[in-house]
N, C-alpha and C. Protein backbone atom coordinates (compact mmCIF):
# COMPACT_ATOMS: atom_id res chain seq x y z
N UNK A 1 0.85 -1.17 0.00
CA UNK A 1 0.00 0.00 0.00
C UNK A 1 0.89 1.23 0.00
N UNK A 2 0.62 2.11 -0.91
CA UNK A 2 1.35 3.37 -0.98
C UNK A 2 0.35 4.50 -1.08
N UNK A 3 0.66 5.61 -0.43
CA UNK A 3 -0.13 6.83 -0.58
C UNK A 3 0.49 7.62 -1.72
N UNK A 4 -0.36 8.13 -2.62
CA UNK A 4 0.12 8.87 -3.78
C UNK A 4 -0.47 10.26 -3.74
N UNK A 5 0.39 11.27 -3.84
CA UNK A 5 -0.08 12.65 -3.85
C UNK A 5 -0.53 13.10 -2.48
N UNK A 6 -1.31 14.17 -2.47
CA UNK A 6 -1.85 14.71 -1.23
C UNK A 6 -3.04 13.86 -0.80
N UNK A 7 -2.99 13.36 0.40
CA UNK A 7 -4.08 12.53 0.93
C UNK A 7 -4.67 13.19 2.16
N UNK A 8 -5.95 12.98 2.35
CA UNK A 8 -6.63 13.55 3.51
C UNK A 8 -6.14 12.89 4.79
N UNK A 9 -6.37 13.56 5.89
CA UNK A 9 -6.04 13.01 7.20
C UNK A 9 -6.79 11.68 7.41
N UNK A 10 -8.05 11.63 6.98
CA UNK A 10 -8.85 10.41 7.13
C UNK A 10 -8.27 9.26 6.31
N UNK A 11 -7.83 9.55 5.09
CA UNK A 11 -7.24 8.50 4.24
C UNK A 11 -5.94 7.99 4.86
N UNK A 12 -5.14 8.89 5.40
CA UNK A 12 -3.89 8.48 6.04
C UNK A 12 -4.16 7.61 7.27
N UNK A 13 -5.18 7.99 8.04
CA UNK A 13 -5.52 7.20 9.23
C UNK A 13 -6.00 5.81 8.82
N UNK A 14 -6.85 5.73 7.81
CA UNK A 14 -7.34 4.44 7.32
C UNK A 14 -6.18 3.55 6.90
N UNK A 15 -5.24 4.09 6.16
CA UNK A 15 -4.09 3.31 5.70
C UNK A 15 -3.22 2.85 6.86
N UNK A 16 -3.03 3.71 7.84
CA UNK A 16 -2.21 3.34 8.99
C UNK A 16 -2.89 2.25 9.83
N UNK A 17 -4.19 2.40 10.05
CA UNK A 17 -4.92 1.39 10.82
C UNK A 17 -4.92 0.05 10.08
N UNK A 18 -5.07 0.07 8.76
CA UNK A 18 -5.05 -1.20 8.03
C UNK A 18 -3.67 -1.85 8.11
N UNK A 19 -2.61 -1.05 8.10
CA UNK A 19 -1.26 -1.59 8.30
C UNK A 19 -1.13 -2.19 9.70
N UNK A 20 -1.63 -1.48 10.69
CA UNK A 20 -1.60 -1.99 12.06
C UNK A 20 -2.40 -3.29 12.18
N UNK A 21 -3.52 -3.39 11.45
CA UNK A 21 -4.31 -4.63 11.45
C UNK A 21 -3.46 -5.78 10.93
N UNK A 22 -2.72 -5.55 9.86
CA UNK A 22 -1.84 -6.58 9.33
C UNK A 22 -0.84 -7.02 10.39
N UNK A 23 -0.21 -6.06 11.04
CA UNK A 23 0.79 -6.38 12.07
C UNK A 23 0.16 -7.12 13.25
N UNK A 24 -1.06 -6.73 13.64
CA UNK A 24 -1.76 -7.44 14.73
C UNK A 24 -2.01 -8.89 14.35
N UNK A 25 -2.39 -9.12 13.09
CA UNK A 25 -2.59 -10.48 12.62
C UNK A 25 -1.30 -11.28 12.60
N UNK A 26 -0.24 -10.66 12.10
CA UNK A 26 1.07 -11.33 12.03
C UNK A 26 1.55 -11.72 13.42
N UNK A 27 1.33 -10.86 14.40
CA UNK A 27 1.78 -11.14 15.78
C UNK A 27 1.18 -12.44 16.32
N UNK A 28 0.07 -12.88 15.76
CA UNK A 28 -0.58 -14.10 16.24
C UNK A 28 -0.01 -15.38 15.61
N UNK A 29 0.89 -15.21 14.64
CA UNK A 29 1.40 -16.37 13.91
C UNK A 29 2.51 -17.05 14.71
N UNK A 30 2.18 -18.24 15.20
CA UNK A 30 3.14 -19.11 15.87
C UNK A 30 2.49 -20.47 16.05
N UNK A 31 3.29 -21.52 16.09
CA UNK A 31 2.70 -22.85 16.25
C UNK A 31 1.79 -22.92 17.48
N UNK A 32 0.63 -23.54 17.29
CA UNK A 32 -0.32 -23.69 18.38
C UNK A 32 -1.44 -22.67 18.35
N UNK A 33 -1.19 -21.47 17.82
CA UNK A 33 -2.28 -20.52 17.64
C UNK A 33 -3.14 -20.98 16.48
N UNK A 34 -4.25 -20.29 16.25
CA UNK A 34 -5.17 -20.70 15.19
C UNK A 34 -5.38 -19.61 14.15
N UNK A 35 -5.94 -20.01 13.02
CA UNK A 35 -6.34 -19.05 12.00
C UNK A 35 -7.32 -18.04 12.59
N UNK A 36 -8.21 -18.51 13.46
CA UNK A 36 -9.18 -17.62 14.10
C UNK A 36 -8.54 -16.53 14.93
N UNK A 37 -7.40 -16.83 15.54
CA UNK A 37 -6.68 -15.82 16.33
C UNK A 37 -6.27 -14.64 15.44
N UNK A 38 -5.81 -14.96 14.24
CA UNK A 38 -5.36 -13.92 13.31
C UNK A 38 -6.53 -12.99 12.98
N UNK A 39 -7.64 -13.56 12.52
CA UNK A 39 -8.81 -12.76 12.14
C UNK A 39 -9.40 -11.99 13.30
N UNK A 40 -9.40 -12.58 14.49
CA UNK A 40 -9.95 -11.90 15.66
C UNK A 40 -9.21 -10.59 15.92
N UNK A 41 -7.89 -10.64 15.92
CA UNK A 41 -7.12 -9.44 16.26
C UNK A 41 -7.14 -8.40 15.15
N UNK A 42 -7.24 -8.85 13.90
CA UNK A 42 -7.38 -7.90 12.78
C UNK A 42 -8.70 -7.15 12.92
N UNK A 43 -9.79 -7.90 13.06
CA UNK A 43 -11.11 -7.28 13.14
C UNK A 43 -11.27 -6.41 14.37
N UNK A 44 -10.76 -6.86 15.50
CA UNK A 44 -10.88 -6.07 16.72
C UNK A 44 -10.20 -4.71 16.57
N UNK A 45 -9.01 -4.70 15.99
CA UNK A 45 -8.29 -3.43 15.83
C UNK A 45 -9.02 -2.51 14.85
N UNK A 46 -9.55 -3.08 13.77
CA UNK A 46 -10.29 -2.26 12.79
C UNK A 46 -11.52 -1.63 13.43
N UNK A 47 -12.32 -2.44 14.10
CA UNK A 47 -13.57 -1.92 14.67
C UNK A 47 -13.32 -0.96 15.83
N UNK A 48 -12.29 -1.19 16.61
CA UNK A 48 -11.96 -0.25 17.70
C UNK A 48 -11.56 1.12 17.16
N UNK A 49 -11.15 1.16 15.90
CA UNK A 49 -10.77 2.42 15.28
C UNK A 49 -11.86 2.98 14.38
N UNK A 50 -13.05 2.39 14.45
CA UNK A 50 -14.20 2.92 13.72
C UNK A 50 -14.31 2.47 12.27
N UNK A 51 -13.57 1.44 11.89
CA UNK A 51 -13.59 0.95 10.52
C UNK A 51 -14.25 -0.42 10.45
N UNK A 52 -14.54 -0.86 9.24
CA UNK A 52 -15.11 -2.19 9.04
C UNK A 52 -14.14 -3.03 8.22
N UNK A 53 -14.40 -4.32 8.19
CA UNK A 53 -13.53 -5.29 7.54
C UNK A 53 -14.30 -6.01 6.44
N UNK A 54 -13.74 -6.01 5.23
CA UNK A 54 -14.37 -6.76 4.14
C UNK A 54 -14.25 -8.24 4.47
N UNK A 55 -15.38 -8.92 4.56
CA UNK A 55 -15.39 -10.32 4.99
C UNK A 55 -15.44 -11.32 3.84
N UNK A 56 -15.76 -10.87 2.63
CA UNK A 56 -15.94 -11.82 1.53
C UNK A 56 -14.62 -12.28 0.91
N UNK A 57 -13.53 -11.62 1.23
CA UNK A 57 -12.21 -12.03 0.76
C UNK A 57 -11.39 -12.48 1.96
N UNK A 58 -10.30 -13.17 1.67
CA UNK A 58 -9.45 -13.61 2.77
C UNK A 58 -8.04 -13.88 2.25
N UNK A 59 -7.11 -14.04 3.17
CA UNK A 59 -5.79 -14.52 2.80
C UNK A 59 -5.90 -16.00 2.46
N UNK A 60 -4.84 -16.53 1.85
CA UNK A 60 -4.89 -17.92 1.42
C UNK A 60 -3.56 -18.60 1.63
N UNK A 61 -3.62 -19.92 1.64
CA UNK A 61 -2.41 -20.71 1.69
C UNK A 61 -1.59 -20.53 0.43
N UNK A 62 -0.28 -20.68 0.56
CA UNK A 62 0.63 -20.56 -0.58
C UNK A 62 1.24 -21.93 -0.81
N UNK A 63 1.19 -22.38 -2.04
CA UNK A 63 1.74 -23.69 -2.39
C UNK A 63 1.95 -23.78 -3.88
N UNK A 64 1.51 -24.85 -4.47
CA UNK A 64 1.69 -25.08 -5.90
C UNK A 64 0.61 -24.44 -6.76
N UNK A 65 -0.53 -24.12 -6.16
CA UNK A 65 -1.66 -23.55 -6.88
C UNK A 65 -2.02 -22.19 -6.29
N UNK A 66 -2.81 -21.40 -7.05
CA UNK A 66 -3.33 -20.14 -6.54
C UNK A 66 -4.42 -20.43 -5.50
N UNK A 67 -4.46 -19.62 -4.49
CA UNK A 67 -5.53 -19.65 -3.50
C UNK A 67 -5.76 -21.03 -2.88
N UNK A 68 -4.74 -21.56 -2.27
CA UNK A 68 -4.84 -22.85 -1.60
C UNK A 68 -5.39 -22.68 -0.19
N UNK A 69 -5.72 -23.81 0.42
CA UNK A 69 -6.10 -23.82 1.82
C UNK A 69 -4.86 -23.59 2.67
N UNK A 70 -4.99 -23.04 3.83
CA UNK A 70 -6.24 -22.68 4.48
C UNK A 70 -6.65 -21.26 4.13
N UNK A 71 -7.97 -21.00 4.09
CA UNK A 71 -8.40 -19.60 4.01
C UNK A 71 -8.04 -18.90 5.32
N UNK A 72 -7.55 -17.68 5.21
CA UNK A 72 -7.16 -16.91 6.40
C UNK A 72 -8.10 -15.71 6.49
N UNK A 73 -9.17 -15.87 7.26
CA UNK A 73 -10.20 -14.85 7.37
C UNK A 73 -9.68 -13.62 8.10
N UNK A 74 -10.27 -12.49 7.75
CA UNK A 74 -9.96 -11.23 8.43
C UNK A 74 -10.83 -11.04 9.66
N UNK A 75 -11.77 -11.92 9.82
CA UNK A 75 -12.66 -11.88 10.97
C UNK A 75 -12.65 -13.30 11.54
N UNK A 76 -12.34 -13.45 12.81
CA UNK A 76 -12.27 -14.80 13.36
C UNK A 76 -12.58 -14.83 14.84
N UNK A 77 -12.61 -16.04 15.37
CA UNK A 77 -12.82 -16.24 16.80
C UNK A 77 -11.56 -16.83 17.39
N UNK A 78 -11.13 -16.24 18.50
CA UNK A 78 -9.93 -16.74 19.17
C UNK A 78 -10.04 -18.23 19.44
N UNK A 79 -8.95 -18.94 19.16
CA UNK A 79 -8.89 -20.36 19.44
C UNK A 79 -9.64 -21.25 18.46
N UNK A 80 -10.24 -20.68 17.44
CA UNK A 80 -11.03 -21.46 16.48
C UNK A 80 -10.29 -21.59 15.15
N UNK A 81 -10.63 -22.62 14.44
CA UNK A 81 -10.05 -22.83 13.11
C UNK A 81 -8.79 -23.69 13.17
N UNK A 82 -8.16 -23.78 12.04
CA UNK A 82 -6.97 -24.62 11.89
C UNK A 82 -5.85 -24.14 12.81
N UNK A 83 -5.20 -25.10 13.47
CA UNK A 83 -4.03 -24.76 14.30
C UNK A 83 -2.82 -24.54 13.40
N UNK A 84 -2.06 -23.50 13.71
CA UNK A 84 -0.87 -23.19 12.94
C UNK A 84 0.25 -24.16 13.29
N UNK A 85 0.99 -24.57 12.26
CA UNK A 85 2.10 -25.50 12.43
C UNK A 85 3.31 -24.99 11.68
N UNK A 86 4.47 -25.30 12.19
CA UNK A 86 5.73 -24.95 11.52
C UNK A 86 5.67 -25.45 10.08
N UNK A 87 6.10 -24.59 9.16
CA UNK A 87 6.14 -24.93 7.74
C UNK A 87 4.96 -24.42 6.94
N UNK A 88 3.88 -24.03 7.60
CA UNK A 88 2.74 -23.46 6.87
C UNK A 88 3.15 -22.12 6.29
N UNK A 89 2.65 -21.81 5.09
CA UNK A 89 2.89 -20.52 4.44
C UNK A 89 1.56 -20.02 3.91
N UNK A 90 1.23 -18.77 4.23
CA UNK A 90 -0.04 -18.19 3.81
C UNK A 90 0.06 -16.68 3.79
N UNK A 91 -0.95 -16.05 3.18
CA UNK A 91 -1.01 -14.60 3.18
C UNK A 91 -1.99 -14.13 4.25
N UNK A 92 -1.70 -12.96 4.77
CA UNK A 92 -2.62 -12.24 5.65
C UNK A 92 -2.91 -10.94 4.92
N UNK A 93 -4.20 -10.64 4.70
CA UNK A 93 -4.58 -9.54 3.80
C UNK A 93 -5.71 -8.68 4.35
N UNK A 94 -5.50 -7.92 5.40
CA UNK A 94 -6.59 -7.07 5.89
C UNK A 94 -7.05 -6.08 4.82
N UNK A 95 -8.35 -6.02 4.61
CA UNK A 95 -8.97 -5.04 3.71
C UNK A 95 -9.96 -4.27 4.57
N UNK A 96 -9.57 -3.05 4.92
CA UNK A 96 -10.29 -2.25 5.90
C UNK A 96 -11.03 -1.12 5.19
N UNK A 97 -12.29 -0.94 5.53
CA UNK A 97 -13.12 0.09 4.90
C UNK A 97 -13.42 1.23 5.85
N UNK A 98 -13.49 2.41 5.28
CA UNK A 98 -13.87 3.60 6.02
C UNK A 98 -15.35 3.54 6.42
N UNK A 99 -16.14 2.96 5.56
CA UNK A 99 -17.58 2.85 5.81
C UNK A 99 -17.98 1.43 6.10
N UNK A 100 -19.03 0.99 5.44
CA UNK A 100 -19.57 -0.36 5.64
C UNK A 100 -18.70 -1.40 4.93
N UNK A 101 -18.82 -2.67 5.32
CA UNK A 101 -17.98 -3.72 4.75
C UNK A 101 -18.40 -4.19 3.36
N UNK A 102 -19.54 -3.72 2.86
CA UNK A 102 -20.09 -4.22 1.61
C UNK A 102 -19.30 -3.72 0.40
N UNK A 103 -19.11 -4.63 -0.57
CA UNK A 103 -18.36 -4.31 -1.79
C UNK A 103 -19.15 -4.75 -3.00
N UNK A 104 -18.73 -4.29 -4.19
CA UNK A 104 -19.32 -4.80 -5.43
C UNK A 104 -18.22 -4.85 -6.49
N UNK A 105 -18.42 -5.77 -7.45
CA UNK A 105 -17.50 -5.91 -8.58
C UNK A 105 -18.01 -5.05 -9.73
N UNK A 106 -17.09 -4.37 -10.39
CA UNK A 106 -17.47 -3.58 -11.56
C UNK A 106 -17.56 -4.50 -12.78
N UNK A 107 -18.02 -3.96 -13.89
CA UNK A 107 -18.29 -4.76 -15.08
C UNK A 107 -17.05 -5.42 -15.68
N UNK A 108 -15.84 -4.93 -15.33
CA UNK A 108 -14.63 -5.57 -15.86
C UNK A 108 -14.32 -6.88 -15.15
N UNK A 109 -15.12 -7.22 -14.14
CA UNK A 109 -14.98 -8.45 -13.35
C UNK A 109 -13.63 -8.55 -12.65
N UNK A 110 -13.00 -7.43 -12.40
CA UNK A 110 -11.73 -7.39 -11.69
C UNK A 110 -11.74 -6.31 -10.62
N UNK A 111 -12.22 -5.13 -10.98
CA UNK A 111 -12.23 -3.99 -10.07
C UNK A 111 -13.31 -4.18 -9.01
N UNK A 112 -12.91 -3.92 -7.76
CA UNK A 112 -13.83 -4.02 -6.64
C UNK A 112 -13.89 -2.65 -5.96
N UNK A 113 -15.09 -2.20 -5.66
CA UNK A 113 -15.28 -0.92 -4.97
C UNK A 113 -16.18 -1.14 -3.76
N UNK A 114 -16.12 -0.22 -2.83
CA UNK A 114 -17.03 -0.29 -1.69
C UNK A 114 -18.41 0.13 -2.17
N UNK A 115 -19.43 -0.52 -1.65
CA UNK A 115 -20.80 -0.22 -2.07
C UNK A 115 -21.18 1.21 -1.71
N UNK A 116 -20.70 1.69 -0.56
CA UNK A 116 -21.03 3.06 -0.15
C UNK A 116 -20.05 4.09 -0.71
N UNK A 117 -19.11 3.62 -1.54
CA UNK A 117 -18.12 4.48 -2.23
C UNK A 117 -17.15 5.18 -1.28
N UNK A 118 -17.03 4.67 -0.06
CA UNK A 118 -16.05 5.23 0.87
C UNK A 118 -14.71 4.53 0.64
N UNK A 119 -13.68 5.06 1.25
CA UNK A 119 -12.33 4.55 1.04
C UNK A 119 -12.12 3.16 1.63
N UNK A 120 -11.19 2.44 1.02
CA UNK A 120 -10.78 1.12 1.49
C UNK A 120 -9.26 1.04 1.39
N UNK A 121 -8.66 0.26 2.26
CA UNK A 121 -7.20 0.10 2.28
C UNK A 121 -6.85 -1.35 2.54
N UNK A 122 -5.89 -1.87 1.78
CA UNK A 122 -5.47 -3.25 1.99
C UNK A 122 -3.95 -3.33 2.09
N UNK A 123 -3.50 -4.08 3.07
CA UNK A 123 -2.09 -4.43 3.22
C UNK A 123 -2.00 -5.94 3.16
N UNK A 124 -0.86 -6.45 2.72
CA UNK A 124 -0.72 -7.90 2.59
C UNK A 124 0.74 -8.30 2.78
N UNK A 125 0.93 -9.43 3.43
CA UNK A 125 2.24 -10.07 3.49
C UNK A 125 2.06 -11.57 3.40
N UNK A 126 3.09 -12.23 2.92
CA UNK A 126 3.15 -13.69 2.93
C UNK A 126 4.00 -14.09 4.12
N UNK A 127 3.47 -15.01 4.92
CA UNK A 127 4.05 -15.37 6.20
C UNK A 127 4.37 -16.86 6.23
N UNK A 128 5.52 -17.21 6.76
CA UNK A 128 5.86 -18.61 7.02
C UNK A 128 5.84 -18.82 8.53
N UNK A 129 5.21 -19.91 8.96
CA UNK A 129 5.21 -20.26 10.38
C UNK A 129 6.53 -20.97 10.66
N UNK A 130 7.27 -20.44 11.63
CA UNK A 130 8.55 -21.03 12.02
C UNK A 130 8.40 -21.80 13.32
N UNK A 131 9.47 -22.35 13.79
CA UNK A 131 9.43 -23.15 15.02
C UNK A 131 8.90 -22.36 16.21
N UNK A 132 9.29 -21.07 16.29
CA UNK A 132 8.91 -20.26 17.44
C UNK A 132 8.05 -19.06 17.11
N UNK A 133 7.64 -18.91 15.85
CA UNK A 133 6.88 -17.73 15.48
C UNK A 133 6.65 -17.66 13.99
N UNK A 134 7.21 -16.62 13.37
CA UNK A 134 6.95 -16.39 11.96
C UNK A 134 8.13 -15.73 11.28
N UNK A 135 8.09 -15.80 9.95
CA UNK A 135 8.99 -15.03 9.10
C UNK A 135 8.13 -14.37 8.03
N UNK A 136 8.33 -13.07 7.83
CA UNK A 136 7.60 -12.34 6.79
C UNK A 136 8.41 -12.49 5.51
N UNK A 137 7.86 -13.19 4.53
CA UNK A 137 8.60 -13.49 3.30
C UNK A 137 8.57 -12.36 2.28
N UNK A 138 7.64 -11.44 2.41
CA UNK A 138 7.47 -10.37 1.42
C UNK A 138 7.85 -8.99 1.96
N UNK A 139 8.64 -8.95 3.00
CA UNK A 139 9.05 -7.68 3.61
C UNK A 139 9.92 -6.89 2.64
N UNK A 140 9.54 -5.64 2.38
CA UNK A 140 10.32 -4.76 1.52
C UNK A 140 11.47 -4.14 2.34
N UNK A 141 12.51 -3.71 1.66
CA UNK A 141 13.66 -3.11 2.35
C UNK A 141 13.25 -1.97 3.26
N UNK A 142 12.33 -1.11 2.82
CA UNK A 142 11.94 0.05 3.64
C UNK A 142 11.11 -0.34 4.84
N UNK A 143 10.65 -1.58 4.92
CA UNK A 143 9.88 -2.05 6.07
C UNK A 143 10.78 -2.68 7.13
N UNK A 144 12.00 -2.95 6.78
CA UNK A 144 12.93 -3.60 7.73
C UNK A 144 13.37 -2.57 8.76
N UNK A 145 13.44 -3.02 10.00
CA UNK A 145 13.83 -2.09 11.08
C UNK A 145 15.26 -2.36 11.50
């Protein structure tokens, strides 16, 4: 996610909160936690900041095919869903909306917009579950601390 040109204070806040949602989800990645833990913390952070979460899309497992299991929901229940195990690789993709969570596809069958035409922000990383936690496989140089 990149901000281009002059952006409103609200747009900047939305982008920052969606980035924080991604980080909250990543923090839950370790053996023994669940897919539900990831979605729970993403959704909780979004709603505590007055935003909604697009629920019809999700992160996915990474393997030999596109969009493999497990689905990684942005909304979840703590302790529910598949248990994370060392060696799993998947994406976490919070899509946070300024308004309601509803979306629609445009006629090109690719472009997605919010139904209420308010802003939306998405951040994504590919994560590998390690023995004691995680490794972010898609970290850009400017994101390294």
